[in-house]
Amino acid sequence: MLAILNIPLLPVTTAFAEDGLYLGCGVNNKKNKYAAVLLPAFFFALQHCFIPTLPDVRYMAYRFLSFLPLAAVLCLYYYKKRDPLPVMVGHTVIDIATVMTILATSVTPGLYEKMCGM
């Protein structure tokens, strides 16, 4: 039931919370251009390396390294344009895929076990 409730809530709340934190507080509060882009991008990618939570260091490193370039591009875009709406819309679309993963692993618990065994 919580996985179903998650479908409308996660994409919207995550876009506001994460983008507000990383773009609004991170990018806007740094004077140095490189620090304004790279620091929020680092923490944004770090946060996403734990989704889904699989106790595998190689998988977490893969997730971190795969998110880092996108996070840097998003932070750079915001730094230059100061328009969070395209970033938030894109983030919402990506979070819909996360919601579907959560729903799939909730409906079929064997799927999560299979993911852990990879």
Protein backbone atom coordinates (compact mmCIF):
# COMPACT_ATOMS: atom_id res chain seq x y z
CA MET A 1 0.00 0.00 0.00
CA LEU A 2 2.86 2.40 0.81
CA ALA A 3 4.43 1.69 -2.59
CA ILE A 4 1.19 2.79 -4.26
CA LEU A 5 1.03 5.95 -2.12
CA ASN A 6 4.63 6.57 -3.16
CA ILE A 7 3.65 6.88 -6.85
CA PRO A 8 2.33 10.46 -6.68
CA LEU A 9 4.29 11.63 -3.62
CA LEU A 10 7.91 10.70 -4.29
CA PRO A 11 8.42 12.39 -7.69
CA VAL A 12 6.93 15.72 -6.64
CA THR A 13 8.32 15.99 -3.12
CA THR A 14 11.79 14.81 -4.12
CA ALA A 15 12.05 17.34 -6.94
CA PHE A 16 11.18 20.20 -4.59
CA ALA A 17 13.35 19.00 -1.70
CA GLU A 18 16.48 17.89 -3.55
CA ASP A 19 16.52 20.57 -6.21
CA GLY A 20 15.79 23.23 -3.62
CA LEU A 21 18.65 21.97 -1.46
CA TYR A 22 21.29 21.31 -4.10
CA LEU A 23 20.47 24.11 -6.51
CA GLY A 24 19.03 26.74 -4.19
CA CYS A 25 21.31 26.28 -1.20
CA GLY A 26 24.30 24.67 -2.88
CA VAL A 27 24.74 26.50 -6.18
CA ASN A 28 23.43 29.87 -5.00
CA ASN A 29 25.61 30.07 -1.87
CA LYS A 30 29.05 29.59 -3.40
CA LYS A 31 31.07 32.47 -4.83
CA ASN A 32 33.51 30.29 -6.78
CA LYS A 33 31.96 28.96 -10.01
CA TYR A 34 33.65 25.56 -9.75
CA ALA A 35 32.70 25.07 -6.12
CA ALA A 36 29.13 26.20 -6.88
CA VAL A 37 28.81 23.45 -9.50
CA LEU A 38 31.01 20.62 -8.22
CA LEU A 39 30.15 20.55 -4.50
CA PRO A 40 26.37 20.28 -4.92
CA ALA A 41 26.88 17.81 -7.81
CA PHE A 42 29.12 15.64 -5.60
CA PHE A 43 26.58 15.43 -2.79
CA PHE A 44 23.67 15.02 -5.18
CA ALA A 45 25.43 12.03 -6.81
CA LEU A 46 26.48 10.65 -3.42
CA GLN A 47 22.88 10.67 -2.22
CA HIS A 48 21.76 8.74 -5.31
CA CYS A 49 24.38 6.00 -5.05
CA PHE A 50 22.30 4.34 -2.32
CA ILE A 51 19.11 3.93 -4.38
CA PRO A 52 18.21 1.09 -4.32
CA THR A 53 20.10 0.11 -1.22
CA LEU A 54 22.21 -2.85 -2.19
CA PRO A 55 25.16 -3.71 0.08
CA ASP A 56 27.66 -3.76 -2.78
CA VAL A 57 30.49 -1.21 -2.88
CA ARG A 58 31.06 -1.70 -6.62
CA TYR A 59 27.39 -1.06 -7.36
CA MET A 60 27.36 2.07 -5.17
CA ALA A 61 30.52 3.35 -6.86
CA TYR A 62 28.92 2.69 -10.25
CA ARG A 63 25.78 4.60 -9.23
CA PHE A 64 27.86 7.51 -7.89
CA LEU A 65 30.02 7.75 -11.00
CA SER A 66 27.03 7.43 -13.32
CA PHE A 67 25.12 10.21 -11.54
CA LEU A 68 28.05 12.61 -11.14
CA PRO A 69 28.20 13.88 -14.76
CA LEU A 70 24.43 14.45 -14.91
CA ALA A 71 24.45 16.18 -11.54
CA ALA A 72 27.31 18.44 -12.68
CA VAL A 73 25.46 19.32 -15.90
CA LEU A 74 22.27 20.11 -13.96
CA CYS A 75 24.15 22.31 -11.49
CA LEU A 76 26.01 24.07 -14.31
CA TYR A 77 22.74 24.65 -16.19
CA TYR A 78 21.16 26.15 -13.09
CA TYR A 79 24.27 28.23 -12.37
CA LYS A 80 24.05 29.80 -15.84
CA LYS A 81 20.26 30.09 -16.34
CA ARG A 82 18.93 30.34 -12.76
CA ASP A 83 15.77 28.55 -13.94
CA PRO A 84 15.02 25.49 -11.78
CA LEU A 85 11.85 24.43 -13.64
CA PRO A 86 13.47 22.30 -16.41
CA VAL A 87 15.67 20.58 -13.83
CA MET A 88 12.68 19.89 -11.57
CA VAL A 89 10.58 18.50 -14.43
CA GLY A 90 13.41 16.22 -15.55
CA HIS A 91 14.00 15.12 -11.98
CA THR A 92 10.32 14.29 -11.58
CA VAL A 93 10.39 12.11 -14.71
CA ILE A 94 13.47 10.25 -13.48
CA ASP A 95 11.87 9.75 -10.06
CA ILE A 96 8.87 8.13 -11.73
CA ALA A 97 11.26 5.36 -12.83
CA THR A 98 12.43 5.05 -9.22
CA VAL A 99 8.83 4.77 -8.06
CA MET A 100 8.23 1.97 -10.57
CA THR A 101 11.29 0.10 -9.23
CA ILE A 102 9.99 0.47 -5.68
CA LEU A 103 6.56 -0.71 -6.76
CA ALA A 104 7.98 -3.69 -8.68
CA THR A 105 10.16 -4.84 -5.78
CA SER A 106 7.26 -4.38 -3.34
CA VAL A 107 4.85 -6.41 -5.43
CA THR A 108 7.43 -9.11 -6.24
CA PRO A 109 9.81 -9.51 -3.25
CA GLY A 110 11.81 -12.13 -5.16
CA LEU A 111 12.87 -9.38 -7.57
CA TYR A 112 14.72 -7.51 -4.81
CA GLU A 113 16.41 -10.73 -3.71
CA LYS A 114 17.45 -11.36 -7.31
CA MET A 115 18.88 -7.83 -7.51
CA CYS A 116 20.89 -8.44 -4.33
CA GLY A 117 22.30 -11.65 -5.81
CA MET A 118 23.64 -9.99 -8.97
